[in-house]
Each structure stands twice: as structure tokens, then as C-alpha cells.
Amino acid sequence: MRARIAFLLLFIVVQTGFSQRRMREQELPREPKHDNQDLAYAVSGFADSLAKEDAFSGVVLIAQHGNIVFHNAYGYADREEKIPNKPDTKFNIGSLNKSFTALAIRQLVDEGKISLDDKLKKFLPEYPNREAAEKVTIQHLLDMTSGIGDIFCPAYESTPKEKLRSIEDFIPLFAGEPLQFEPGTQRQYSNGGYILLGAIIQKVSGLDYYTYVREKIFKPAGMTVTEYYAKNAAVENLARGYMRADTELKDNYPTLPGRGSSAGGGYSTAEDLLKYTIALKQGKIKSGRADVLGIGDGAPGLNAALEWDPESGYAIIVLANLDPPAAGSVARKIRSWLPNV
């Protein structure tokens, strides 16, 4: 997050309502603030104005070297009940969860249990698409160059969402479809690929995906509230998502699966995600590395951004319970204001 803004390791977006242009194409002109106090003042005014226009609802956290510079909440977690968002409100962070899946795969590689060149058939020998099983590698799945399709397809629309509660439940949505291109020749966003990475993690570790990331990533990082809550679970301090339909905002509950997956849909707080960056910096997570991190995500009624540069120490975390680019636009503005270091 230095002035050159060349800090992308991973940038994840989903198709629904969010431009897939590269982060650097979305950069705003640099207008660095003098110091963190000036930064906090500017962010406060900017977020307040967006919230008053109903263009932002969520939480903004900025930290440097693990120390919080700014942390505030805006809008409503539940509009019907007039329950406001709080700094510790839990948000659906969508595809930010893919960072945990990629890290889990890296752990298994470092343990010698899998290789990035391993084919899909080695772990899922009964996978319906034999061509994919023979050709697609773990590296292809990670890089989204596999040619495997997405879970958001007609099959998803016709499936009762409450039935999608495990990694295995998602696989039939796309497993029978032909490859969209020869693996390794193109790059195309694929939630299906990250579902399969979750299935591989389960097969190799002997743990279900949710237990694996909880034990191997969340607990070592001290992320005590990050979880894949069931859709119908009664969870305190959870933000409901609101998607825009014409001029109205509607609850996104009908669009959500019964539970999130290795492709996304878990819940977290801004402080837990800050703990994630701190744990990476301090080496608390096995195979975790202090790499520059830039992750963005959006879907109906949810948008999240997590950006961290270990050199400057700045972390930007914006969680929103509105459509994209509610969080992304705030994070981008903050990035343009970061003081030079």
C-alpha cells in the first residue's frame, strides 16, 4: 500500500454485480493524508456521507502494524427491526473465505500430503467429468484456470437453497458439465474450482472442511467468531444482507445456500480479519506467509474487502451488508488516502 500501490497477491471477485477489472484499473489518484489522525478524520466524513445516502452500511477498520487507527460501524444490521451495525457485527464475507481455502491447500502441500501438480482424479476418482478428472490439477483450481464452471448456474437456482449444507452438496451443481476450456489455457472465475479444493482438503486431512479451517487457521490466529453459520441458525449480532431491487432494498436471505463453503459464504468480523493479518505477520498459522494481501468480493446483499501490506503495516478491512461496490468503493478511497511511509 505504498505510493506505487503494487500490492496484489490475490484479488477475488464474483460475477454478480461487481466489475472484474483488475484492482490497479480501479485506482483513484493518490491524495495521501499527512498522518493517521488526518486519515481517520477523512474516512469518518466519507463513510458518514455514504451512510446518509444509503450507499454504505457496514463496518470500516483501518490498522497499522496491528494498531487500530479507525474502527466504526454504519447503517443497520437488521432494517426491519432497526438494529444498527456495531463494530463487532458479524458479516457474510463471501469469497474472502477463499483465502482460507488457498492457505489450507498450502499447508497440505508443505506437509507433503499433496502436490500442486496432482490431478483431480487422485483425490476424487469418481468425479463425473472424466476429462476434468484426468486433466485438471490443484494448481489449475487455485489459479482458476481449470475450465470448471461455477456453482451459480440454473442448477443452483432450481435447487432448494437449504439443502446446500456441505461441500458434497455443491458438487452436483457443476460436476456433470463439460470443461469450458482446456485447463491452463485461460483464466475464468470459478467457485466450482474452490468447492473441489474443499473436497480435496477433506479427503486428504480426514476432517470436514469447516473443522479443518477452524482448527488449522482460525484457532491459531485467535479468530474466535469466524464461522460458517447455518443459514437458519439463530446467531447474535449477525448482519442481514440487503440487495437492491429497483429502488427498494430486499433481504438476500432467499439467495443464500444453507451453509457457506470452501468457495465462500462464511461469517467474520473486522477485528477477526485483522487478527488474520497479524497472525500471518507473526507466523502463528502453519504455512501462513507475510505476503501482501488484497481480496475483494461481492454478491447480492454483501460486499467485503481485505487489504494488507506487511511492509507499510496498513490493513484496510471494509465489510458491508449491501450490494457491491459498497465495501470496495470505500476501501479504494481509503487506499488513495493512506499516508506515505
Protein backbone atom coordinates (compact mmCIF):
# COMPACT_ATOMS: atom_id res chain seq x y z
CA MET A 1 0.00 0.00 0.00
CA ARG A 2 2.93 2.27 -0.62
CA ALA A 3 2.56 5.06 -3.16
CA ARG A 4 3.14 2.71 -6.07
CA ILE A 5 0.15 0.57 -4.92
CA ALA A 6 1.64 -2.61 -6.36
CA PHE A 7 0.45 -4.98 -3.71
CA LEU A 8 -1.87 -7.60 -5.14
CA LEU A 9 -1.25 -11.22 -4.20
CA LEU A 10 -4.84 -12.31 -4.54
CA PHE A 11 -7.87 -10.37 -5.76
CA ILE A 12 -11.13 -12.23 -5.75
CA VAL A 13 -14.45 -11.05 -7.11
CA VAL A 14 -17.66 -12.79 -8.01
CA GLN A 15 -19.61 -12.14 -11.15
CA THR A 16 -22.83 -10.93 -9.58
CA GLY A 17 -22.98 -7.17 -9.85
CA PHE A 18 -19.26 -6.47 -9.45
CA SER A 19 -16.79 -5.47 -12.15
CA GLN A 20 -13.94 -7.91 -12.62
CA ARG A 21 -11.44 -5.28 -13.75
CA ARG A 22 -8.07 -5.55 -12.08
CA MET A 23 -7.55 -3.60 -8.90
CA ARG A 24 -4.97 -1.29 -10.47
CA GLU A 25 -7.53 -0.26 -13.11
CA GLN A 26 -9.78 0.94 -10.32
CA GLU A 27 -7.15 3.04 -8.58
CA LEU A 28 -8.01 6.58 -7.59
CA PRO A 29 -5.39 9.34 -7.76
CA ARG A 30 -3.15 9.33 -4.71
CA GLU A 31 -4.04 12.03 -2.18
CA PRO A 32 -2.06 10.89 0.85
CA LYS A 33 -3.08 12.31 4.19
CA HIS A 34 -0.47 13.83 6.46
CA ASP A 35 -0.85 11.23 9.21
CA ASN A 36 -3.23 8.63 10.61
CA GLN A 37 -5.23 11.24 12.51
CA ASP A 38 -5.96 13.10 9.28
CA LEU A 39 -6.74 9.78 7.60
CA ALA A 40 -9.27 8.83 10.28
CA TYR A 41 -10.94 12.24 10.04
CA ALA A 42 -11.29 11.97 6.26
CA VAL A 43 -12.60 8.40 6.37
CA SER A 44 -15.13 9.29 9.04
CA GLY A 45 -16.60 12.10 6.95
CA PHE A 46 -16.60 10.00 3.77
CA ALA A 47 -18.31 6.99 5.36
CA ASP A 48 -20.83 9.20 7.15
CA SER A 49 -21.84 10.82 3.87
CA LEU A 50 -22.25 7.47 2.13
CA ALA A 51 -24.29 6.07 5.02
CA LYS A 52 -26.64 9.06 4.91
CA GLU A 53 -27.23 8.37 1.21
CA ASP A 54 -27.83 4.66 1.97
CA ALA A 55 -24.83 3.86 -0.19
CA PHE A 56 -22.92 2.19 2.65
CA SER A 57 -23.94 0.00 5.56
CA GLY A 58 -21.31 -1.92 7.43
CA VAL A 59 -18.01 -1.62 9.28
CA VAL A 60 -14.73 0.09 8.42
CA LEU A 61 -11.46 -0.78 10.16
CA ILE A 62 -8.02 0.63 9.42
CA ALA A 63 -4.94 -0.50 11.30
CA GLN A 64 -1.21 -0.03 11.04
CA HIS A 65 1.17 -2.64 12.40
CA GLY A 66 -1.79 -4.20 14.19
CA ASN A 67 -2.80 -0.99 15.95
CA ILE A 68 -6.29 0.25 15.11
CA VAL A 69 -6.35 3.69 13.51
CA PHE A 70 -10.06 3.83 12.75
CA HIS A 71 -12.96 1.50 13.52
CA ASN A 72 -16.62 2.42 13.14
CA ALA A 73 -19.97 0.98 12.11
CA TYR A 74 -22.71 2.41 9.91
CA GLY A 75 -26.25 1.57 8.92
CA TYR A 76 -28.44 -1.32 10.01
CA ALA A 77 -27.71 -4.98 10.62
CA ASP A 78 -31.47 -5.58 10.52
CA ARG A 79 -33.55 -2.92 8.79
CA GLU A 80 -36.90 -4.39 9.78
CA GLU A 81 -36.02 -4.42 13.47
CA LYS A 82 -33.95 -1.22 13.26
CA ILE A 83 -30.92 -2.96 14.77
CA PRO A 84 -27.77 -0.96 13.94
CA ASN A 85 -24.50 -2.41 12.80
CA LYS A 86 -21.82 -2.40 15.50
CA PRO A 87 -18.03 -2.59 15.23
CA ASP A 88 -18.21 -6.27 16.21
CA THR A 89 -21.16 -7.23 13.98
CA LYS A 90 -20.65 -10.46 12.04
CA PHE A 91 -20.90 -10.13 8.24
CA ASN A 92 -21.09 -12.61 5.41
CA ILE A 93 -17.64 -12.17 3.88
CA GLY A 94 -18.37 -14.16 0.72
CA SER A 95 -15.29 -15.14 -1.26
CA LEU A 96 -12.84 -13.71 1.27
CA ASN A 97 -13.09 -17.26 2.59
CA LYS A 98 -11.19 -18.44 -0.50
CA SER A 99 -8.05 -17.08 1.15
CA PHE A 100 -8.51 -19.66 3.92
CA THR A 101 -9.05 -22.44 1.37
CA ALA A 102 -5.89 -21.49 -0.51
CA LEU A 103 -3.93 -21.39 2.75
CA ALA A 104 -5.27 -24.83 3.74
CA ILE A 105 -4.06 -26.23 0.43
CA ARG A 106 -0.64 -24.64 1.01
CA GLN A 107 -0.49 -26.32 4.41
CA LEU A 108 -1.15 -29.73 2.88
CA VAL A 109 1.47 -29.08 0.18
CA ASP A 110 4.05 -28.10 2.79
CA GLU A 111 3.23 -31.27 4.74
CA GLY A 112 3.94 -33.32 1.62
CA LYS A 113 0.41 -34.69 1.51
CA ILE A 114 -0.43 -33.23 -1.90
CA SER A 115 1.37 -31.68 -4.87
CA LEU A 116 0.15 -28.75 -6.92
CA ASP A 117 0.63 -30.97 -9.98
CA ASP A 118 -1.68 -33.68 -8.66
CA LYS A 119 -4.70 -34.37 -10.85
CA LEU A 120 -8.27 -34.19 -9.62
CA LYS A 121 -8.72 -37.94 -10.17
CA LYS A 122 -6.15 -38.74 -7.47
CA PHE A 123 -8.46 -37.44 -4.76
CA LEU A 124 -11.89 -37.63 -6.38
CA PRO A 125 -11.69 -40.78 -8.54
CA GLU A 126 -15.47 -40.87 -9.02
CA TYR A 127 -15.71 -37.31 -10.32
CA PRO A 128 -18.38 -37.41 -13.09
CA ASN A 129 -16.46 -35.42 -15.72
CA ARG A 130 -13.67 -37.83 -16.66
CA GLU A 131 -11.88 -35.29 -18.84
CA ALA A 132 -11.70 -32.86 -15.95
CA ALA A 133 -10.56 -35.59 -13.56
CA GLU A 134 -7.74 -36.52 -15.94
CA LYS A 135 -6.56 -33.02 -16.84
CA VAL A 136 -7.28 -30.58 -14.01
CA THR A 137 -4.56 -30.08 -11.39
CA ILE A 138 -4.70 -28.49 -7.97
CA GLN A 139 -2.71 -25.59 -9.42
CA HIS A 140 -5.41 -25.08 -12.06
CA LEU A 141 -8.08 -24.98 -9.36
CA LEU A 142 -6.14 -22.44 -7.30
CA ASP A 143 -5.42 -20.23 -10.30
CA MET A 144 -8.96 -20.50 -11.72
CA THR A 145 -7.54 -21.86 -14.96
CA SER A 146 -9.28 -25.24 -14.71
CA GLY A 147 -12.17 -24.68 -17.11
CA ILE A 148 -14.56 -25.95 -14.43
CA GLY A 149 -17.76 -23.95 -14.24
CA ASP A 150 -19.47 -22.08 -11.46
CA ILE A 151 -21.95 -23.09 -8.82
CA PHE A 152 -24.17 -20.12 -9.67
CA CYS A 153 -25.99 -21.65 -12.59
CA PRO A 154 -29.51 -22.85 -13.46
CA ALA A 155 -29.00 -25.89 -11.23
CA TYR A 156 -28.31 -23.59 -8.28
CA GLU A 157 -31.41 -21.53 -8.99
CA SER A 158 -33.60 -24.64 -9.11
CA THR A 159 -32.12 -26.27 -6.02
CA PRO A 160 -33.74 -25.58 -2.64
CA LYS A 161 -31.01 -23.50 -1.03
CA GLU A 162 -31.49 -25.03 2.41
CA LYS A 163 -30.25 -28.37 1.01
CA LEU A 164 -26.80 -26.92 0.27
CA ARG A 165 -25.13 -27.52 3.63
CA SER A 166 -21.89 -29.39 2.93
CA ILE A 167 -19.09 -29.35 0.38
CA GLU A 168 -20.52 -32.50 -1.19
CA ASP A 169 -23.91 -30.85 -1.68
CA PHE A 170 -22.45 -28.26 -4.06
CA ILE A 171 -20.52 -30.62 -6.37
CA PRO A 172 -23.53 -31.95 -8.37
CA LEU A 173 -24.34 -28.38 -9.42
CA PHE A 174 -21.43 -28.35 -11.89
CA ALA A 175 -19.63 -31.72 -11.88
CA GLY A 176 -21.51 -33.11 -14.88
CA GLU A 177 -20.86 -30.09 -17.08
CA PRO A 178 -18.16 -30.15 -19.80
CA LEU A 179 -14.98 -28.14 -19.33
CA GLN A 180 -15.40 -24.59 -20.58
CA PHE A 181 -11.86 -24.57 -21.99
CA GLU A 182 -8.68 -26.62 -21.98
CA PRO A 183 -7.18 -26.47 -18.47
CA GLY A 184 -4.35 -23.97 -18.22
CA THR A 185 -5.18 -22.05 -21.38
CA GLN A 186 -7.50 -19.40 -19.92
CA ARG A 187 -8.46 -17.87 -16.60
CA GLN A 188 -12.11 -17.67 -15.60
CA TYR A 189 -13.65 -17.18 -12.19
CA SER A 190 -14.79 -20.50 -10.80
CA ASN A 191 -16.49 -21.07 -7.48
CA GLY A 192 -16.76 -24.69 -8.57
CA GLY A 193 -12.97 -24.98 -8.55
CA TYR A 194 -12.79 -23.85 -4.93
CA ILE A 195 -15.57 -26.26 -3.98
CA LEU A 196 -13.34 -29.02 -5.33
CA LEU A 197 -10.37 -27.69 -3.35
CA GLY A 198 -12.56 -28.01 -0.25
CA ALA A 199 -13.37 -31.60 -1.19
CA ILE A 200 -9.66 -32.33 -1.62
CA ILE A 201 -8.88 -30.82 1.80
CA GLN A 202 -11.49 -33.12 3.33
CA LYS A 203 -10.21 -36.20 1.51
CA VAL A 204 -6.56 -35.65 2.44
CA SER A 205 -6.98 -34.38 6.00
CA GLY A 206 -9.77 -36.70 7.12
CA LEU A 207 -11.61 -33.69 8.53
CA ASP A 208 -14.62 -31.91 7.13
CA TYR A 209 -13.67 -28.58 5.60
CA TYR A 210 -15.26 -26.47 8.33
CA THR A 211 -13.41 -28.31 11.10
CA TYR A 212 -10.12 -28.12 9.21
CA VAL A 213 -10.08 -24.35 8.74
CA ARG A 214 -11.38 -23.79 12.27
CA GLU A 215 -8.62 -25.92 13.83
CA LYS A 216 -5.73 -25.12 11.48
CA ILE A 217 -6.35 -21.45 10.66
CA PHE A 218 -8.95 -19.71 12.81
CA LYS A 219 -7.83 -21.03 16.21
CA PRO A 220 -4.09 -20.38 15.71
CA ALA A 221 -4.94 -16.85 14.56
CA GLY A 222 -7.25 -16.21 17.53
CA MET A 223 -10.23 -15.72 15.20
CA THR A 224 -12.85 -16.63 17.76
CA VAL A 225 -16.03 -15.62 15.92
CA THR A 226 -15.24 -16.51 12.30
CA GLU A 227 -17.56 -19.36 11.36
CA TYR A 228 -19.69 -20.93 8.62
CA TYR A 229 -23.05 -20.49 10.28
CA ALA A 230 -26.02 -22.45 9.01
CA LYS A 231 -28.49 -20.23 7.20
CA ASN A 232 -31.28 -20.84 9.70
CA ALA A 233 -29.10 -20.67 12.83
CA ALA A 234 -30.00 -18.14 15.49
CA VAL A 235 -26.78 -16.11 15.69
CA GLU A 236 -26.48 -12.98 17.78
CA ASN A 237 -25.14 -9.77 16.25
CA LEU A 238 -25.33 -11.05 12.66
CA ALA A 239 -25.90 -8.63 9.79
CA ARG A 240 -28.64 -9.48 7.32
CA GLY A 241 -27.80 -8.74 3.71
CA TYR A 242 -29.86 -6.34 1.60
CA MET A 243 -29.86 -6.32 -2.19
CA ARG A 244 -31.27 -3.57 -4.34
CA ALA A 245 -34.32 -4.41 -6.44
CA ASP A 246 -35.31 -1.38 -8.49
CA THR A 247 -35.49 1.37 -5.89
CA GLU A 248 -36.04 -0.93 -2.89
CA LEU A 249 -33.72 -2.92 -0.68
CA LYS A 250 -34.73 -6.54 -0.14
CA ASP A 251 -33.38 -9.20 2.19
CA ASN A 252 -30.94 -11.51 0.37
CA TYR A 253 -31.89 -14.48 2.56
CA PRO A 254 -33.61 -16.39 -0.30
CA THR A 255 -30.41 -16.33 -2.38
CA LEU A 256 -28.15 -17.82 0.32
CA PRO A 257 -27.22 -21.51 0.49
CA GLY A 258 -27.96 -23.50 3.63
CA ARG A 259 -24.34 -23.02 4.68
CA GLY A 260 -21.26 -21.44 3.20
CA SER A 261 -18.49 -23.47 1.60
CA SER A 262 -14.83 -23.54 0.65
CA ALA A 263 -15.79 -21.12 -2.13
CA GLY A 264 -17.24 -18.56 0.28
CA GLY A 265 -20.18 -17.64 2.46
CA GLY A 266 -18.66 -17.77 5.94
CA TYR A 267 -19.04 -15.00 8.51
CA SER A 268 -16.49 -12.88 10.30
CA THR A 269 -15.89 -9.52 11.95
CA ALA A 270 -13.46 -6.76 11.06
CA GLU A 271 -11.41 -7.45 14.18
CA ASP A 272 -11.15 -11.18 13.43
CA LEU A 273 -9.89 -10.38 9.94
CA LEU A 274 -7.34 -8.02 11.45
CA LYS A 275 -6.23 -10.90 13.67
CA TYR A 276 -5.73 -12.92 10.48
CA THR A 277 -3.25 -10.38 9.11
CA ILE A 278 -1.45 -10.17 12.45
CA ALA A 279 -1.20 -13.97 12.64
CA LEU A 280 0.28 -14.08 9.14
CA LYS A 281 2.79 -11.41 10.07
CA GLN A 282 3.78 -13.19 13.29
CA GLY A 283 3.87 -16.65 11.74
CA LYS A 284 1.19 -18.05 14.03
CA ILE A 285 -0.54 -20.03 11.27
CA LYS A 286 1.26 -23.02 9.85
CA SER A 287 2.37 -22.30 6.28
CA GLY A 288 0.99 -18.78 6.59
CA ARG A 289 3.23 -16.19 4.99
CA ALA A 290 3.52 -12.45 5.47
CA ASP A 291 2.57 -11.79 1.86
CA VAL A 292 0.81 -8.73 0.59
CA LEU A 293 -2.90 -9.48 0.56
CA GLY A 294 -5.68 -7.91 -1.45
CA ILE A 295 -9.04 -9.63 -1.53
CA GLY A 296 -12.34 -8.23 -2.74
CA ASP A 297 -15.70 -9.90 -3.01
CA GLY A 298 -19.27 -9.12 -3.88
CA ALA A 299 -22.66 -10.78 -4.32
CA PRO A 300 -26.28 -9.70 -3.82
CA GLY A 301 -26.52 -8.10 -0.39
CA LEU A 302 -22.89 -8.50 0.62
CA ASN A 303 -19.53 -6.96 -0.19
CA ALA A 304 -16.21 -7.16 1.60
CA ALA A 305 -12.63 -6.03 1.15
CA LEU A 306 -9.46 -7.01 3.00
CA GLU A 307 -6.17 -5.40 2.04
CA TRP A 308 -2.90 -5.69 3.91
CA ASP A 309 0.69 -4.74 3.18
CA PRO A 310 3.19 -6.09 5.74
CA GLU A 311 5.83 -3.53 4.70
CA SER A 312 3.81 -0.40 5.40
CA GLY A 313 1.82 -2.24 8.06
CA TYR A 314 -1.51 -0.92 6.82
CA ALA A 315 -4.60 -3.11 6.85
CA ILE A 316 -7.91 -1.97 5.37
CA ILE A 317 -10.99 -4.01 6.23
CA VAL A 318 -14.42 -3.00 4.98
CA LEU A 319 -17.48 -5.22 5.44
CA ALA A 320 -20.89 -4.29 4.04
CA ASN A 321 -24.34 -5.82 4.01
CA LEU A 322 -25.27 -4.13 0.74
CA ASP A 323 -24.59 -4.93 -2.92
CA PRO A 324 -21.17 -4.28 -4.45
CA PRO A 325 -19.35 -1.97 -4.65
CA ALA A 326 -20.43 -0.74 -1.20
CA ALA A 327 -17.30 -2.01 0.55
CA GLY A 328 -14.97 -1.92 -2.44
CA SER A 329 -15.50 1.76 -3.14
CA VAL A 330 -14.78 2.67 0.49
CA ALA A 331 -11.61 0.55 0.55
CA ARG A 332 -10.43 2.09 -2.71
CA LYS A 333 -10.91 5.62 -1.36
CA ILE A 334 -9.06 4.78 1.84
CA ARG A 335 -6.20 3.33 -0.17
CA SER A 336 -5.81 6.61 -2.07
CA TRP A 337 -5.58 8.46 1.26
CA LEU A 338 -3.01 6.31 3.05
CA PRO A 339 -0.13 8.43 4.37
CA ASN A 340 3.22 7.88 2.72
CA VAL A 341 5.53 5.70 4.76
